[in-house]
Amino acid sequence: MPQRLHEVLPRVGALVEGPAFYPFLSGTANLHRLDAASRHAATATRTARVAAALERVGLSHAAGKRVHAYSMGMKQRLGIANALLSPRELLVLDEPTNGLDPQGTREVRSLVRSLAADGATVFVSSHLLAEVEQICTHAAIMSAGRLVAQGPLAELRQAGETRIRLLTPDAGTASEVLLRLGMAAAGSLEAATPQPDGYVVTAVAAVSGLEAPEDIVAELVAAGVRVRGFSVERESLEERFVALTGEGFDVAQ
C-alpha cells in the first residue's frame, strides 16, 4: 500500500474513539472545515456532500445546531458523517458505541448495519463484545499483539464448549443417561446443583458429538427422567475471548 497511498486512503473512512469537534461551530460548519482539510475532496461538491452525510446519519435536523449542544450519540454520528463525506469502500470504527446511553447505542448500531448493507466493509474495533455480537458477521481476537482466532461469529462460538443444562428431580438417572450419550466428551460431568423444584444437572459436550436436543430429551424421558427444564448453551463471544486470552490478572501484558 505505501506506493499507492494517495489512491487507497481516499476510499477509507475512519472514526477514532471520542471524535473531537469545534464545540461552538455547528455540525455543518465542522464538516465543512474537516472536508476542506482533505486535498482529495472536491470543493465544488462540498455543500451537497456535507448535507448528504448529515442526512445519512440522521442529523439533518441538527445540522445548524452548535456541537456543544449535541448528545454523545449525536457526536458519534457526526464523526461517522465525517467518515462518509466521500464514497468509502472501507470504514474503520474505533469503539463506536463506547460511552453511549442505550438510545445512542441503538442509533449507532443501526447505522453501522445500514452502512454494511449498502456494500461498505465496516471494521469495528471494540472491547464491548456484546455489541460486537449484535453488529458483526465476523470477528478476530487479539491477545498481546497476536491474532489468536478469527472467523464467522458462529464458528468462533462453536469452537468453545457446549453445555447441557437439565432441571430434573431425577439427577442420578439423568447423569447416567447423559454420560451414556457422551455428554462428557469434552470434560467431566459436573455436580448436580439443588434447586427448589429439582436439580440442575450440567454436562459438557463436544460440538461434533452433540445430538439434537429433542433426541437427548427423548432418551431422558425414555429412561424415566422427569424433565422440568432443558437447554443447550454455547459459549458467548466474551467467554470465548476470555478462554483464549486469559482472565483477570492472568492476562498477558
C-alpha atoms as a PDB file:
ATOM      1  CA  MET A   1       0.000   0.000   0.000  1.00  0.00           C
ATOM      2  CA  PRO A   2       2.738   2.626   0.636  1.00  0.00           C
ATOM      3  CA  GLN A   3       3.298   3.007  -3.091  1.00  0.00           C
ATOM      4  CA  ARG A   4      -0.445   3.574  -3.684  1.00  0.00           C
ATOM      5  CA  LEU A   5      -1.201   5.657  -0.606  1.00  0.00           C
ATOM      6  CA  HIS A   6      -2.917   8.516  -2.435  1.00  0.00           C
ATOM      7  CA  GLU A   7      -5.094   6.070  -4.340  1.00  0.00           C
ATOM      8  CA  VAL A   8      -6.124   3.924  -1.370  1.00  0.00           C
ATOM      9  CA  LEU A   9      -6.668   6.341   1.535  1.00  0.00           C
ATOM     10  CA  PRO A  10      -9.446   8.401  -0.121  1.00  0.00           C
ATOM     11  CA  ARG A  11     -11.503   5.186  -0.221  1.00  0.00           C
ATOM     12  CA  VAL A  12     -11.065   4.621   3.545  1.00  0.00           C
ATOM     13  CA  GLY A  13     -13.071   6.419   6.232  1.00  0.00           C
ATOM     14  CA  ALA A  14     -12.312   6.297   9.960  1.00  0.00           C
ATOM     15  CA  LEU A  15     -13.852   7.161  13.313  1.00  0.00           C
ATOM     16  CA  VAL A  16     -11.377   7.409  16.187  1.00  0.00           C
ATOM     17  CA  GLU A  17     -12.786   6.858  19.684  1.00  0.00           C
ATOM     18  CA  GLY A  18     -14.179  10.130  21.020  1.00  0.00           C
ATOM     19  CA  PRO A  19     -14.067  12.297  17.856  1.00  0.00           C
ATOM     20  CA  ALA A  20     -13.200  15.963  18.545  1.00  0.00           C
ATOM     21  CA  PHE A  21     -15.033  18.914  17.021  1.00  0.00           C
ATOM     22  CA  TYR A  22     -15.135  22.663  17.451  1.00  0.00           C
ATOM     23  CA  PRO A  23     -17.873  22.949  20.104  1.00  0.00           C
ATOM     24  CA  PHE A  24     -19.115  26.428  19.142  1.00  0.00           C
ATOM     25  CA  LEU A  25     -19.438  25.605  15.442  1.00  0.00           C
ATOM     26  CA  SER A  26     -22.443  23.809  14.006  1.00  0.00           C
ATOM     27  CA  GLY A  27     -22.347  20.249  12.736  1.00  0.00           C
ATOM     28  CA  THR A  28     -22.395  21.561   9.181  1.00  0.00           C
ATOM     29  CA  ALA A  29     -19.558  24.037   9.805  1.00  0.00           C
ATOM     30  CA  ASN A  30     -17.418  21.355  11.440  1.00  0.00           C
ATOM     31  CA  LEU A  31     -17.814  19.035   8.458  1.00  0.00           C
ATOM     32  CA  HIS A  32     -17.009  21.856   6.046  1.00  0.00           C
ATOM     33  CA  ARG A  33     -13.746  22.530   7.886  1.00  0.00           C
ATOM     34  CA  LEU A  34     -12.810  18.863   8.036  1.00  0.00           C
ATOM     35  CA  ASP A  35     -13.601  18.334   4.362  1.00  0.00           C
ATOM     36  CA  ALA A  36     -11.555  21.401   3.426  1.00  0.00           C
ATOM     37  CA  ALA A  37      -8.531  19.823   5.148  1.00  0.00           C
ATOM     38  CA  SER A  38      -8.559  16.926   2.667  1.00  0.00           C
ATOM     39  CA  ARG A  39      -6.691  17.530  -0.563  1.00  0.00           C
ATOM     40  CA  HIS A  40      -8.738  14.796  -2.216  1.00  0.00           C
ATOM     41  CA  ALA A  41     -12.096  16.477  -1.532  1.00  0.00           C
ATOM     42  CA  ALA A  42     -13.805  18.361  -4.369  1.00  0.00           C
ATOM     43  CA  THR A  43     -14.641  21.930  -3.343  1.00  0.00           C
ATOM     44  CA  ALA A  44     -17.484  22.260  -5.836  1.00  0.00           C
ATOM     45  CA  THR A  45     -19.484  19.398  -4.300  1.00  0.00           C
ATOM     46  CA  ARG A  46     -18.669  20.120  -0.639  1.00  0.00           C
ATOM     47  CA  THR A  47     -22.008  21.630   0.380  1.00  0.00           C
ATOM     48  CA  ALA A  48     -24.001  18.803  -1.226  1.00  0.00           C
ATOM     49  CA  ARG A  49     -21.741  16.096   0.228  1.00  0.00           C
ATOM     50  CA  VAL A  50     -21.908  17.543   3.760  1.00  0.00           C
ATOM     51  CA  ALA A  51     -25.703  17.722   3.576  1.00  0.00           C
ATOM     52  CA  ALA A  52     -25.883  14.135   2.268  1.00  0.00           C
ATOM     53  CA  ALA A  53     -23.569  12.843   5.019  1.00  0.00           C
ATOM     54  CA  LEU A  54     -25.626  14.541   7.743  1.00  0.00           C
ATOM     55  CA  GLU A  55     -28.817  13.112   6.303  1.00  0.00           C
ATOM     56  CA  ARG A  56     -27.219   9.652   6.098  1.00  0.00           C
ATOM     57  CA  VAL A  57     -26.545   9.629   9.856  1.00  0.00           C
ATOM     58  CA  GLY A  58     -29.853  11.239  10.799  1.00  0.00           C
ATOM     59  CA  LEU A  59     -28.501  14.659  11.792  1.00  0.00           C
ATOM     60  CA  SER A  60     -30.166  16.894   9.216  1.00  0.00           C
ATOM     61  CA  HIS A  61     -32.448  18.319  11.912  1.00  0.00           C
ATOM     62  CA  ALA A  62     -29.415  19.333  13.996  1.00  0.00           C
ATOM     63  CA  ALA A  63     -27.155  20.455  11.145  1.00  0.00           C
ATOM     64  CA  GLY A  64     -27.243  24.109  12.249  1.00  0.00           C
ATOM     65  CA  LYS A  65     -27.006  23.397  15.983  1.00  0.00           C
ATOM     66  CA  ARG A  66     -23.713  24.054  17.771  1.00  0.00           C
ATOM     67  CA  VAL A  67     -21.896  20.829  18.563  1.00  0.00           C
ATOM     68  CA  HIS A  68     -21.559  21.616  22.290  1.00  0.00           C
ATOM     69  CA  ALA A  69     -25.332  21.013  22.454  1.00  0.00           C
ATOM     70  CA  TYR A  70     -25.039  17.577  20.821  1.00  0.00           C
ATOM     71  CA  SER A  71     -25.514  14.417  22.869  1.00  0.00           C
ATOM     72  CA  MET A  72     -22.722  11.827  22.931  1.00  0.00           C
ATOM     73  CA  GLY A  73     -24.618   9.712  20.405  1.00  0.00           C
ATOM     74  CA  MET A  74     -25.026  12.697  18.078  1.00  0.00           C
ATOM     75  CA  LYS A  75     -21.291  13.426  18.275  1.00  0.00           C
ATOM     76  CA  GLN A  76     -20.532   9.813  17.400  1.00  0.00           C
ATOM     77  CA  ARG A  77     -22.869  10.044  14.422  1.00  0.00           C
ATOM     78  CA  LEU A  78     -21.253  13.320  13.376  1.00  0.00           C
ATOM     79  CA  GLY A  79     -17.884  11.525  13.458  1.00  0.00           C
ATOM     80  CA  ILE A  80     -19.300   8.827  11.191  1.00  0.00           C
ATOM     81  CA  ALA A  81     -20.712  11.544   8.919  1.00  0.00           C
ATOM     82  CA  ASN A  82     -17.184  12.923   8.599  1.00  0.00           C
ATOM     83  CA  ALA A  83     -16.014   9.463   7.504  1.00  0.00           C
ATOM     84  CA  LEU A  84     -18.768   9.435   4.872  1.00  0.00           C
ATOM     85  CA  LEU A  85     -18.024  12.792   3.234  1.00  0.00           C
ATOM     86  CA  SER A  86     -16.627  10.886   0.254  1.00  0.00           C
ATOM     87  CA  PRO A  87     -17.635   7.426  -1.044  1.00  0.00           C
ATOM     88  CA  ARG A  88     -15.841   4.796   1.059  1.00  0.00           C
ATOM     89  CA  GLU A  89     -15.167   1.140   0.437  1.00  0.00           C
ATOM     90  CA  LEU A  90     -13.778   0.580   3.946  1.00  0.00           C
ATOM     91  CA  LEU A  91     -14.841   2.205   7.227  1.00  0.00           C
ATOM     92  CA  VAL A  92     -12.693   1.735  10.344  1.00  0.00           C
ATOM     93  CA  LEU A  93     -14.648   2.492  13.532  1.00  0.00           C
ATOM     94  CA  ASP A  94     -12.875   2.550  16.904  1.00  0.00           C
ATOM     95  CA  GLU A  95     -15.270   1.871  19.819  1.00  0.00           C
ATOM     96  CA  PRO A  96     -18.272   3.426  18.005  1.00  0.00           C
ATOM     97  CA  THR A  97     -20.695   2.789  20.906  1.00  0.00           C
ATOM     98  CA  ASN A  98     -18.338   3.447  23.820  1.00  0.00           C
ATOM     99  CA  GLY A  99     -19.873   5.682  26.499  1.00  0.00           C
ATOM    100  CA  LEU A 100     -23.277   5.931  24.831  1.00  0.00           C
ATOM    101  CA  ASP A 101     -26.637   5.620  26.547  1.00  0.00           C
ATOM    102  CA  PRO A 102     -28.998   2.856  25.318  1.00  0.00           C
ATOM    103  CA  GLN A 103     -30.673   5.135  22.776  1.00  0.00           C
ATOM    104  CA  GLY A 104     -27.332   6.338  21.384  1.00  0.00           C
ATOM    105  CA  THR A 105     -26.046   2.777  21.236  1.00  0.00           C
ATOM    106  CA  ARG A 106     -29.070   1.653  19.234  1.00  0.00           C
ATOM    107  CA  GLU A 107     -28.685   4.615  16.876  1.00  0.00           C
ATOM    108  CA  VAL A 108     -25.046   3.866  16.095  1.00  0.00           C
ATOM    109  CA  ARG A 109     -25.635   0.108  15.904  1.00  0.00           C
ATOM    110  CA  SER A 110     -28.423   0.579  13.373  1.00  0.00           C
ATOM    111  CA  LEU A 111     -26.271   2.993  11.363  1.00  0.00           C
ATOM    112  CA  VAL A 112     -23.325   0.578  11.219  1.00  0.00           C
ATOM    113  CA  ARG A 113     -25.606  -2.213   9.997  1.00  0.00           C
ATOM    114  CA  SER A 114     -27.055   0.036   7.290  1.00  0.00           C
ATOM    115  CA  LEU A 115     -23.579   1.038   6.082  1.00  0.00           C
ATOM    116  CA  ALA A 116     -22.617  -2.622   5.718  1.00  0.00           C
ATOM    117  CA  ALA A 117     -25.919  -3.355   3.973  1.00  0.00           C
ATOM    118  CA  ASP A 118     -25.059  -0.663   1.412  1.00  0.00           C
ATOM    119  CA  GLY A 119     -21.911  -2.575   0.446  1.00  0.00           C
ATOM    120  CA  ALA A 120     -19.157  -0.989   2.541  1.00  0.00           C
ATOM    121  CA  THR A 121     -16.821  -3.138   4.606  1.00  0.00           C
ATOM    122  CA  VAL A 122     -17.048  -1.928   8.210  1.00  0.00           C
ATOM    123  CA  PHE A 123     -14.141  -2.793  10.511  1.00  0.00           C
ATOM    124  CA  VAL A 124     -15.082  -2.296  14.182  1.00  0.00           C
ATOM    125  CA  SER A 125     -12.529  -2.299  16.994  1.00  0.00           C
ATOM    126  CA  SER A 126     -14.218  -2.768  20.365  1.00  0.00           C
ATOM    127  CA  HIS A 127     -13.971  -4.292  23.833  1.00  0.00           C
ATOM    128  CA  LEU A 128     -17.786  -4.293  24.144  1.00  0.00           C
ATOM    129  CA  LEU A 129     -18.222  -7.868  22.992  1.00  0.00           C
ATOM    130  CA  ALA A 130     -22.000  -7.916  23.415  1.00  0.00           C
ATOM    131  CA  GLU A 131     -22.128  -5.089  20.873  1.00  0.00           C
ATOM    132  CA  VAL A 132     -19.775  -6.954  18.532  1.00  0.00           C
ATOM    133  CA  GLU A 133     -22.136  -9.942  18.626  1.00  0.00           C
ATOM    134  CA  GLN A 134     -25.066  -7.735  17.606  1.00  0.00           C
ATOM    135  CA  ILE A 135     -23.267  -5.793  14.857  1.00  0.00           C
ATOM    136  CA  CYS A 136     -20.647  -8.020  13.246  1.00  0.00           C
ATOM    137  CA  THR A 137     -20.741 -11.072  10.997  1.00  0.00           C
ATOM    138  CA  HIS A 138     -17.047 -11.976  11.514  1.00  0.00           C
ATOM    139  CA  ALA A 139     -14.622 -11.339  14.361  1.00  0.00           C
ATOM    140  CA  ALA A 140     -10.927 -11.601  15.161  1.00  0.00           C
ATOM    141  CA  ILE A 141      -9.492 -11.900  18.678  1.00  0.00           C
ATOM    142  CA  MET A 142      -6.160 -10.315  19.568  1.00  0.00           C
ATOM    143  CA  SER A 143      -4.007 -11.177  22.563  1.00  0.00           C
ATOM    144  CA  ALA A 144      -0.739  -9.396  23.397  1.00  0.00           C
ATOM    145  CA  GLY A 145      -0.469  -8.167  19.814  1.00  0.00           C
ATOM    146  CA  ARG A 146      -1.093 -11.582  18.262  1.00  0.00           C
ATOM    147  CA  LEU A 147      -4.101 -12.814  16.322  1.00  0.00           C
ATOM    148  CA  VAL A 148      -5.319 -15.890  18.213  1.00  0.00           C
ATOM    149  CA  ALA A 149      -8.643 -16.593  16.462  1.00  0.00           C
ATOM    150  CA  GLN A 150     -10.753 -15.320  13.591  1.00  0.00           C
ATOM    151  CA  GLY A 151     -13.762 -16.312  11.538  1.00  0.00           C
ATOM    152  CA  PRO A 152     -17.566 -16.057  11.433  1.00  0.00           C
ATOM    153  CA  LEU A 153     -19.081 -15.423  14.872  1.00  0.00           C
ATOM    154  CA  ALA A 154     -20.983 -18.710  14.852  1.00  0.00           C
ATOM    155  CA  GLU A 155     -17.787 -20.667  14.187  1.00  0.00           C
ATOM    156  CA  LEU A 156     -15.889 -18.849  16.950  1.00  0.00           C
ATOM    157  CA  ARG A 157     -18.574 -19.703  19.489  1.00  0.00           C
ATOM    158  CA  GLN A 158     -18.892 -23.305  18.315  1.00  0.00           C
ATOM    159  CA  ALA A 159     -15.146 -23.808  18.809  1.00  0.00           C
ATOM    160  CA  GLY A 160     -15.715 -23.483  22.571  1.00  0.00           C
ATOM    161  CA  GLU A 161     -17.563 -25.719  24.996  1.00  0.00           C
ATOM    162  CA  THR A 162     -21.241 -26.569  24.675  1.00  0.00           C
ATOM    163  CA  ARG A 163     -23.158 -27.225  27.897  1.00  0.00           C
ATOM    164  CA  ILE A 164     -26.339 -29.150  28.527  1.00  0.00           C
ATOM    165  CA  ARG A 165     -28.407 -27.792  31.429  1.00  0.00           C
ATOM    166  CA  LEU A 166     -31.183 -30.000  32.706  1.00  0.00           C
ATOM    167  CA  LEU A 167     -33.638 -29.337  35.535  1.00  0.00           C
ATOM    168  CA  THR A 168     -34.974 -32.586  36.987  1.00  0.00           C
ATOM    169  CA  PRO A 169     -35.738 -34.259  40.334  1.00  0.00           C
ATOM    170  CA  ASP A 170     -34.042 -37.398  38.975  1.00  0.00           C
ATOM    171  CA  ALA A 171     -30.432 -36.185  38.963  1.00  0.00           C
ATOM    172  CA  GLY A 172     -28.827 -39.608  39.357  1.00  0.00           C
ATOM    173  CA  THR A 173     -30.612 -41.267  36.447  1.00  0.00           C
ATOM    174  CA  ALA A 174     -30.191 -38.146  34.316  1.00  0.00           C
ATOM    175  CA  SER A 175     -26.433 -38.160  34.918  1.00  0.00           C
ATOM    176  CA  GLU A 176     -26.200 -41.784  33.823  1.00  0.00           C
ATOM    177  CA  VAL A 177     -28.139 -41.104  30.614  1.00  0.00           C
ATOM    178  CA  LEU A 178     -26.052 -38.043  29.723  1.00  0.00           C
ATOM    179  CA  LEU A 179     -22.828 -39.937  30.345  1.00  0.00           C
ATOM    180  CA  ARG A 180     -24.060 -42.778  28.169  1.00  0.00           C
ATOM    181  CA  LEU A 181     -24.812 -40.281  25.392  1.00  0.00           C
ATOM    182  CA  GLY A 182     -21.252 -38.971  25.564  1.00  0.00           C
ATOM    183  CA  MET A 183     -22.107 -35.642  27.111  1.00  0.00           C
ATOM    184  CA  ALA A 184     -18.772 -35.627  28.949  1.00  0.00           C
ATOM    185  CA  ALA A 185     -16.746 -35.916  25.733  1.00  0.00           C
ATOM    186  CA  ALA A 186     -15.134 -32.506  26.264  1.00  0.00           C
ATOM    187  CA  GLY A 187     -14.981 -32.599  30.038  1.00  0.00           C
ATOM    188  CA  SER A 188     -16.400 -34.329  33.095  1.00  0.00           C
ATOM    189  CA  LEU A 189     -19.968 -34.276  34.372  1.00  0.00           C
ATOM    190  CA  GLU A 190     -20.350 -31.552  36.967  1.00  0.00           C
ATOM    191  CA  ALA A 191     -22.113 -31.977  40.293  1.00  0.00           C
ATOM    192  CA  ALA A 192     -25.882 -31.507  40.276  1.00  0.00           C
ATOM    193  CA  THR A 193     -26.983 -28.237  41.871  1.00  0.00           C
ATOM    194  CA  PRO A 194     -30.027 -28.365  44.192  1.00  0.00           C
ATOM    195  CA  GLN A 195     -32.999 -26.174  43.187  1.00  0.00           C
ATOM    196  CA  PRO A 196     -36.449 -25.759  44.785  1.00  0.00           C
ATOM    197  CA  ASP A 197     -38.063 -27.841  42.028  1.00  0.00           C
ATOM    198  CA  GLY A 198     -35.292 -30.352  41.426  1.00  0.00           C
ATOM    199  CA  TYR A 199     -31.624 -30.405  40.470  1.00  0.00           C
ATOM    200  CA  VAL A 200     -29.763 -28.624  37.706  1.00  0.00           C
ATOM    201  CA  VAL A 201     -27.502 -31.182  36.041  1.00  0.00           C
ATOM    202  CA  THR A 202     -24.800 -29.645  33.853  1.00  0.00           C
ATOM    203  CA  ALA A 203     -22.815 -31.655  31.334  1.00  0.00           C
ATOM    204  CA  VAL A 204     -20.123 -30.601  28.864  1.00  0.00           C
ATOM    205  CA  ALA A 205     -20.323 -31.902  25.315  1.00  0.00           C
ATOM    206  CA  ALA A 206     -18.151 -31.774  22.222  1.00  0.00           C
ATOM    207  CA  VAL A 207     -19.978 -29.965  19.433  1.00  0.00           C
ATOM    208  CA  SER A 208     -19.175 -32.702  16.920  1.00  0.00           C
ATOM    209  CA  GLY A 209     -20.735 -35.330  19.170  1.00  0.00           C
ATOM    210  CA  LEU A 210     -23.767 -33.336  20.278  1.00  0.00           C
ATOM    211  CA  GLU A 211     -27.069 -34.957  19.393  1.00  0.00           C
ATOM    212  CA  ALA A 212     -30.179 -32.971  18.545  1.00  0.00           C
ATOM    213  CA  PRO A 213     -31.727 -31.528  21.743  1.00  0.00           C
ATOM    214  CA  GLU A 214     -35.051 -33.278  21.102  1.00  0.00           C
ATOM    215  CA  ASP A 215     -33.245 -36.635  20.820  1.00  0.00           C
ATOM    216  CA  ILE A 216     -31.456 -36.067  24.143  1.00  0.00           C
ATOM    217  CA  VAL A 217     -34.753 -35.201  25.838  1.00  0.00           C
ATOM    218  CA  ALA A 218     -36.392 -38.288  24.309  1.00  0.00           C
ATOM    219  CA  GLU A 219     -33.615 -40.509  25.725  1.00  0.00           C
ATOM    220  CA  LEU A 220     -34.027 -38.928  29.159  1.00  0.00           C
ATOM    221  CA  VAL A 221     -37.797 -39.393  29.168  1.00  0.00           C
ATOM    222  CA  ALA A 222     -37.459 -42.994  27.931  1.00  0.00           C
ATOM    223  CA  ALA A 223     -35.212 -43.682  30.934  1.00  0.00           C
ATOM    224  CA  GLY A 224     -37.847 -42.325  33.308  1.00  0.00           C
ATOM    225  CA  VAL A 225     -36.232 -38.916  33.898  1.00  0.00           C
ATOM    226  CA  ARG A 226     -38.778 -36.178  34.643  1.00  0.00           C
ATOM    227  CA  VAL A 227     -37.621 -33.187  32.609  1.00  0.00           C
ATOM    228  CA  ARG A 228     -38.679 -29.828  34.036  1.00  0.00           C
ATOM    229  CA  GLY A 229     -36.270 -27.707  32.008  1.00  0.00           C
ATOM    230  CA  PHE A 230     -33.683 -28.298  29.286  1.00  0.00           C
ATOM    231  CA  SER A 231     -31.355 -26.014  27.345  1.00  0.00           C
ATOM    232  CA  VAL A 232     -28.254 -26.159  25.168  1.00  0.00           C
ATOM    233  CA  GLU A 233     -25.835 -23.308  25.942  1.00  0.00           C
ATOM    234  CA  ARG A 234     -22.905 -22.358  23.757  1.00  0.00           C
ATOM    235  CA  GLU A 235     -20.099 -20.068  24.835  1.00  0.00           C
ATOM    236  CA  SER A 236     -20.705 -16.378  24.303  1.00  0.00           C
ATOM    237  CA  LEU A 237     -18.106 -14.326  22.464  1.00  0.00           C
ATOM    238  CA  GLU A 238     -16.972 -12.917  25.813  1.00  0.00           C
ATOM    239  CA  GLU A 239     -16.452 -16.407  27.258  1.00  0.00           C
ATOM    240  CA  ARG A 240     -14.560 -17.444  24.138  1.00  0.00           C
ATOM    241  CA  PHE A 241     -12.429 -14.295  24.343  1.00  0.00           C
ATOM    242  CA  VAL A 242     -11.517 -14.998  27.988  1.00  0.00           C
ATOM    243  CA  ALA A 243     -10.758 -18.643  27.220  1.00  0.00           C
ATOM    244  CA  LEU A 244      -8.296 -17.570  24.513  1.00  0.00           C
ATOM    245  CA  THR A 245      -6.682 -14.568  26.229  1.00  0.00           C
ATOM    246  CA  GLY A 246      -6.828 -15.322  29.952  1.00  0.00           C
ATOM    247  CA  GLU A 247      -8.837 -13.838  32.769  1.00  0.00           C
ATOM    248  CA  GLY A 248      -8.136 -11.084  35.284  1.00  0.00           C
ATOM    249  CA  PHE A 249      -4.511 -10.829  36.342  1.00  0.00           C
ATOM    250  CA  ASP A 250      -3.624 -13.828  34.158  1.00  0.00           C
ATOM    251  CA  VAL A 251      -3.939 -11.725  31.014  1.00  0.00           C
ATOM    252  CA  ALA A 252      -0.573 -11.284  29.303  1.00  0.00           C
ATOM    253  CA  GLN A 253       0.789  -7.734  29.392  1.00  0.00           C
END
